[in-house]
C-alpha atoms as a PDB file:
ATOM      1  CA  MET A   1       0.000   0.000   0.000  1.00  0.00           C
ATOM      2  CA  LEU A   2       2.843   2.399   0.794  1.00  0.00           C
ATOM      3  CA  SER A   3       4.400   1.813  -2.629  1.00  0.00           C
ATOM      4  CA  ILE A   4       1.122   2.732  -4.341  1.00  0.00           C
ATOM      5  CA  ALA A   5       0.852   5.904  -2.252  1.00  0.00           C
ATOM      6  CA  VAL A   6       4.419   6.898  -3.177  1.00  0.00           C
ATOM      7  CA  VAL A   7       3.797   6.335  -6.898  1.00  0.00           C
ATOM      8  CA  PHE A   8       0.503   8.226  -6.770  1.00  0.00           C
ATOM      9  CA  GLY A   9       2.131  11.037  -4.775  1.00  0.00           C
ATOM     10  CA  GLY A  10       4.953  11.412  -7.285  1.00  0.00           C
ATOM     11  CA  ARG A  11       2.534  11.532 -10.184  1.00  0.00           C
ATOM     12  CA  LEU A  12       0.321  13.985  -8.313  1.00  0.00           C
ATOM     13  CA  LEU A  13       3.275  16.309  -7.723  1.00  0.00           C
ATOM     14  CA  LEU A  14       4.041  16.283 -11.463  1.00  0.00           C
ATOM     15  CA  VAL A  15       0.509  17.176 -12.531  1.00  0.00           C
ATOM     16  CA  LEU A  16      -0.627  19.385  -9.639  1.00  0.00           C
ATOM     17  CA  LEU A  17       0.458  22.542 -11.443  1.00  0.00           C
ATOM     18  CA  PHE A  18      -1.988  21.784 -14.258  1.00  0.00           C
ATOM     19  CA  LEU A  19      -4.908  20.147 -12.484  1.00  0.00           C
ATOM     20  CA  PRO A  20      -6.393  21.886 -10.638  1.00  0.00           C
ATOM     21  CA  PHE A  21      -4.375  25.097 -10.503  1.00  0.00           C
ATOM     22  CA  SER A  22      -3.588  26.195 -14.075  1.00  0.00           C
ATOM     23  CA  ALA A  23      -6.847  24.755 -15.424  1.00  0.00           C
ATOM     24  CA  LEU A  24      -8.833  26.545 -12.729  1.00  0.00           C
ATOM     25  CA  ASP A  25      -6.949  29.779 -13.408  1.00  0.00           C
ATOM     26  CA  LYS A  26      -7.858  29.563 -17.108  1.00  0.00           C
ATOM     27  CA  MET A  27     -11.514  28.962 -16.256  1.00  0.00           C
ATOM     28  CA  LEU A  28     -11.760  31.752 -13.687  1.00  0.00           C
ATOM     29  CA  ASN A  29      -9.726  34.234 -15.740  1.00  0.00           C
ATOM     30  CA  PHE A  30     -10.644  33.212 -19.279  1.00  0.00           C
ATOM     31  CA  ASP A  31     -10.475  36.751 -20.726  1.00  0.00           C
ATOM     32  CA  GLN A  32      -7.016  37.344 -19.240  1.00  0.00           C
ATOM     33  CA  ALA A  33      -5.838  33.985 -20.589  1.00  0.00           C
ATOM     34  CA  ILE A  34      -7.030  34.964 -24.063  1.00  0.00           C
ATOM     35  CA  ALA A  35      -5.278  38.326 -23.692  1.00  0.00           C
ATOM     36  CA  GLN A  36      -2.033  36.538 -22.802  1.00  0.00           C
ATOM     37  CA  ALA A  37      -2.424  34.144 -25.745  1.00  0.00           C
ATOM     38  CA  SER A  38      -3.091  37.149 -27.994  1.00  0.00           C
ATOM     39  CA  GLU A  39       0.458  38.332 -27.291  1.00  0.00           C
ATOM     40  CA  VAL A  40       1.673  35.403 -29.415  1.00  0.00           C
ATOM     41  CA  VAL A  41      -1.341  34.839 -31.669  1.00  0.00           C
ATOM     42  CA  PRO A  42      -2.865  38.107 -32.905  1.00  0.00           C
ATOM     43  CA  ALA A  43      -6.287  36.695 -33.876  1.00  0.00           C
ATOM     44  CA  ARG A  44      -8.487  36.661 -30.757  1.00  0.00           C
ATOM     45  CA  SER A  45     -10.529  33.712 -32.041  1.00  0.00           C
ATOM     46  CA  LEU A  46      -7.374  31.621 -32.541  1.00  0.00           C
ATOM     47  CA  ALA A  47      -6.134  32.691 -29.103  1.00  0.00           C
ATOM     48  CA  GLY A  48      -9.438  31.437 -27.665  1.00  0.00           C
ATOM     49  CA  ILE A  49      -9.051  28.107 -29.436  1.00  0.00           C
ATOM     50  CA  LEU A  50      -5.514  27.775 -28.034  1.00  0.00           C
ATOM     51  CA  ILE A  51      -6.741  28.473 -24.508  1.00  0.00           C
ATOM     52  CA  VAL A  52      -9.525  25.889 -24.802  1.00  0.00           C
ATOM     53  CA  ALA A  53      -7.011  23.377 -26.227  1.00  0.00           C
ATOM     54  CA  GLY A  54      -4.609  24.142 -23.379  1.00  0.00           C
ATOM     55  CA  LEU A  55      -7.409  23.772 -20.845  1.00  0.00           C
ATOM     56  CA  THR A  56      -8.298  20.400 -22.342  1.00  0.00           C
ATOM     57  CA  VAL A  57      -4.674  19.249 -22.096  1.00  0.00           C
ATOM     58  CA  GLU A  58      -4.452  20.516 -18.509  1.00  0.00           C
ATOM     59  CA  VAL A  59      -7.533  18.539 -17.447  1.00  0.00           C
ATOM     60  CA  VAL A  60      -7.459  15.337 -19.504  1.00  0.00           C
ATOM     61  CA  MET A  61      -3.729  14.523 -19.528  1.00  0.00           C
ATOM     62  CA  PRO A  62      -3.194  14.823 -15.747  1.00  0.00           C
ATOM     63  CA  LEU A  63      -6.187  12.547 -15.185  1.00  0.00           C
ATOM     64  CA  ALA A  64      -4.623   9.991 -17.537  1.00  0.00           C
ATOM     65  CA  VAL A  65      -1.287  10.254 -15.707  1.00  0.00           C
ATOM     66  CA  LEU A  66      -2.987   9.793 -12.329  1.00  0.00           C
ATOM     67  CA  THR A  67      -5.218   6.894 -13.382  1.00  0.00           C
ATOM     68  CA  GLY A  68      -2.658   5.073 -15.505  1.00  0.00           C
ATOM     69  CA  VAL A  69      -4.940   5.056 -18.576  1.00  0.00           C
ATOM     70  CA  ALA A  70      -2.727   5.756 -21.606  1.00  0.00           C
ATOM     71  CA  ASP A  71      -0.489   7.487 -19.065  1.00  0.00           C
ATOM     72  CA  ARG A  72       2.695   7.282 -21.118  1.00  0.00           C
ATOM     73  CA  LEU A  73       1.116   9.053 -24.097  1.00  0.00           C
ATOM     74  CA  ALA A  74      -0.423  11.620 -21.745  1.00  0.00           C
ATOM     75  CA  ALA A  75       2.997  12.233 -20.196  1.00  0.00           C
ATOM     76  CA  LEU A  76       4.517  12.702 -23.659  1.00  0.00           C
ATOM     77  CA  ILE A  77       1.782  15.212 -24.544  1.00  0.00           C
ATOM     78  CA  LEU A  78       2.376  17.079 -21.277  1.00  0.00           C
ATOM     79  CA  ALA A  79       6.126  17.158 -21.997  1.00  0.00           C
ATOM     80  CA  GLY A  80       5.435  18.746 -25.369  1.00  0.00           C
ATOM     81  CA  TYR A  81       2.937  21.139 -23.796  1.00  0.00           C
ATOM     82  CA  CYS A  82       5.522  22.259 -21.241  1.00  0.00           C
ATOM     83  CA  LEU A  83       8.135  22.878 -23.941  1.00  0.00           C
ATOM     84  CA  VAL A  84       5.747  24.727 -26.264  1.00  0.00           C
ATOM     85  CA  THR A  85       4.449  26.964 -23.483  1.00  0.00           C
ATOM     86  CA  ALA A  86       8.014  27.678 -22.368  1.00  0.00           C
ATOM     87  CA  VAL A  87       9.060  28.782 -25.849  1.00  0.00           C
ATOM     88  CA  LEU A  88       5.886  30.768 -26.551  1.00  0.00           C
ATOM     89  CA  TRP A  89       5.271  32.476 -23.203  1.00  0.00           C
ATOM     90  CA  LYS A  90       8.520  32.367 -21.227  1.00  0.00           C
ATOM     91  CA  GLN A  91      10.768  34.205 -23.684  1.00  0.00           C
ATOM     92  CA  PHE A  92      13.375  35.474 -21.238  1.00  0.00           C
ATOM     93  CA  TRP A  93      15.770  36.165 -24.120  1.00  0.00           C
ATOM     94  CA  ARG A  94      13.449  38.898 -25.417  1.00  0.00           C
ATOM     95  CA  ARG A  95      13.303  40.753 -22.129  1.00  0.00           C
ATOM     96  CA  PRO A  96      15.414  43.913 -22.219  1.00  0.00           C
ATOM     97  CA  ASP A  97      16.059  43.599 -18.476  1.00  0.00           C
ATOM     98  CA  PHE A  98      17.409  40.020 -18.547  1.00  0.00           C
ATOM     99  CA  ARG A  99      20.577  39.955 -16.445  1.00  0.00           C
ATOM    100  CA  LEU A 100      22.271  37.331 -14.347  1.00  0.00           C
ATOM    101  CA  ARG A 101      23.035  39.792 -11.542  1.00  0.00           C
ATOM    102  CA  GLY A 102      20.941  42.462  -9.884  1.00  0.00           C
ATOM    103  CA  ASP A 103      17.286  43.303 -10.462  1.00  0.00           C
ATOM    104  CA  SER A 104      15.933  41.482 -13.473  1.00  0.00           C
ATOM    105  CA  GLY A 105      12.350  40.653 -14.382  1.00  0.00           C
ATOM    106  CA  GLY A 106      13.827  38.694 -17.276  1.00  0.00           C
ATOM    107  CA  ARG A 107      15.661  36.406 -14.870  1.00  0.00           C
ATOM    108  CA  GLU A 108      12.336  35.552 -13.217  1.00  0.00           C
ATOM    109  CA  VAL A 109      10.956  34.603 -16.637  1.00  0.00           C
ATOM    110  CA  PHE A 110      14.119  32.522 -17.187  1.00  0.00           C
ATOM    111  CA  TRP A 111      13.348  30.483 -14.059  1.00  0.00           C
ATOM    112  CA  ASP A 112       9.757  29.980 -15.245  1.00  0.00           C
ATOM    113  CA  PHE A 113      11.191  28.788 -18.579  1.00  0.00           C
ATOM    114  CA  MET A 114      13.509  26.357 -16.791  1.00  0.00           C
ATOM    115  CA  LYS A 115      10.632  25.105 -14.588  1.00  0.00           C
ATOM    116  CA  ASN A 116       8.739  24.170 -17.750  1.00  0.00           C
ATOM    117  CA  VAL A 117      11.815  22.471 -19.214  1.00  0.00           C
ATOM    118  CA  GLY A 118      12.357  20.520 -15.984  1.00  0.00           C
ATOM    119  CA  LEU A 119       8.720  19.414 -15.901  1.00  0.00           C
ATOM    120  CA  ALA A 120       9.050  18.291 -19.518  1.00  0.00           C
ATOM    121  CA  GLY A 121      11.996  16.132 -18.486  1.00  0.00           C
ATOM    122  CA  GLY A 122       9.986  14.552 -15.678  1.00  0.00           C
ATOM    123  CA  PHE A 123       7.133  13.785 -18.053  1.00  0.00           C
ATOM    124  CA  LEU A 124       9.548  12.263 -20.589  1.00  0.00           C
ATOM    125  CA  VAL A 125      10.870   9.919 -17.900  1.00  0.00           C
ATOM    126  CA  LEU A 126       7.290   8.994 -17.074  1.00  0.00           C
ATOM    127  CA  ALA A 127       6.544   8.377 -20.768  1.00  0.00           C
ATOM    128  CA  PHE A 128       9.663   6.400 -21.667  1.00  0.00           C
ATOM    129  CA  GLY A 129      11.089   5.127 -18.403  1.00  0.00           C
ATOM    130  CA  THR A 130      14.691   5.372 -17.388  1.00  0.00           C
ATOM    131  CA  ASP A 131      16.301   3.281 -20.092  1.00  0.00           C
ATOM    132  CA  ALA A 132      16.363   2.892 -23.868  1.00  0.00           C
ATOM    133  CA  ALA A 133      14.122  -0.173 -23.708  1.00  0.00           C
ATOM    134  CA  GLY A 134      11.351   2.082 -22.421  1.00  0.00           C
ATOM    135  CA  VAL A 135      11.422   4.065 -25.654  1.00  0.00           C
ATOM    136  CA  HIS A 136      10.886   0.853 -27.603  1.00  0.00           C
ATOM    137  CA  ARG A 137       8.052  -0.220 -25.268  1.00  0.00           C
ATOM    138  CA  PHE A 138       6.376   3.150 -25.805  1.00  0.00           C
ATOM    139  CA  LEU A 139       6.764   3.026 -29.586  1.00  0.00           C
ATOM    140  CA  ASP A 140       5.398  -0.518 -29.682  1.00  0.00           C
ATOM    141  CA  HIS A 141       2.337   0.401 -27.551  1.00  0.00           C
ATOM    142  CA  PRO A 142       1.893   4.195 -27.387  1.00  0.00           C
ATOM    143  CA  LEU A 143      -1.621   3.918 -25.927  1.00  0.00           C
ATOM    144  CA  GLY A 144      -0.606   1.322 -23.377  1.00  0.00           C
ATOM    145  CA  SER A 145      -0.504   1.843 -19.658  1.00  0.00           C
ATOM    146  CA  SER A 146       2.623   1.756 -17.562  1.00  0.00           C
ATOM    147  CA  HIS A 147       0.488  -0.023 -14.914  1.00  0.00           C
ATOM    148  CA  PRO A 148       1.740   2.352 -12.236  1.00  0.00           C
ATOM    149  CA  TYR A 149      -0.179   0.809  -9.355  1.00  0.00           C
ATOM    150  CA  SER A 150       0.526  -2.871  -9.937  1.00  0.00           C
ATOM    151  CA  VAL A 151       2.511  -4.519  -7.174  1.00  0.00           C
ATOM    152  CA  ILE A 152       4.753  -7.491  -7.868  1.00  0.00           C
ATOM    153  CA  ASP A 153       5.201  -9.793  -4.938  1.00  0.00           C
ATOM    154  CA  GLU A 154       8.926 -10.148  -4.462  1.00  0.00           C
ATOM    155  CA  PRO A 155      10.710 -11.731  -1.566  1.00  0.00           C
ATOM    156  CA  VAL A 156      11.973  -9.194   0.930  1.00  0.00           C
ATOM    157  CA  ARG A 157      15.782  -9.000   0.887  1.00  0.00           C
ATOM    158  CA  GLN A 158      17.510  -8.776   4.188  1.00  0.00           C
END
């Protein structure tokens, strides 16, 4: 039982940013989310479509990761989502005040960018595992489950 709680807890920590927090923020502040998306996509209707697509990713993919249903594909999608949002909305390199020392709003955006990149790495490990064989398992069965909550009875080593 403890092993299941640890696995669930680790997965929950990975997705907690998205569900409920970011998804709820998009729902409660939909107009502001569209305004932010409009900074990258000038057409308001396209910005709205992007926000709805992002909201869908932020609700459906974390649920898949938590339940283990097509969790590896969901983790891969979340990795891509993290990287795309980092490149589109965390452009620290465009900030005129980006500095490594002293006051710098750009440096804060840099850390947000790196947070997204780090999350993407965590999701890639969840999608593919920790070895090259995991990539082959994923490619052979991309909709398969990693069976995160199955427990194999092994003798206890002393």
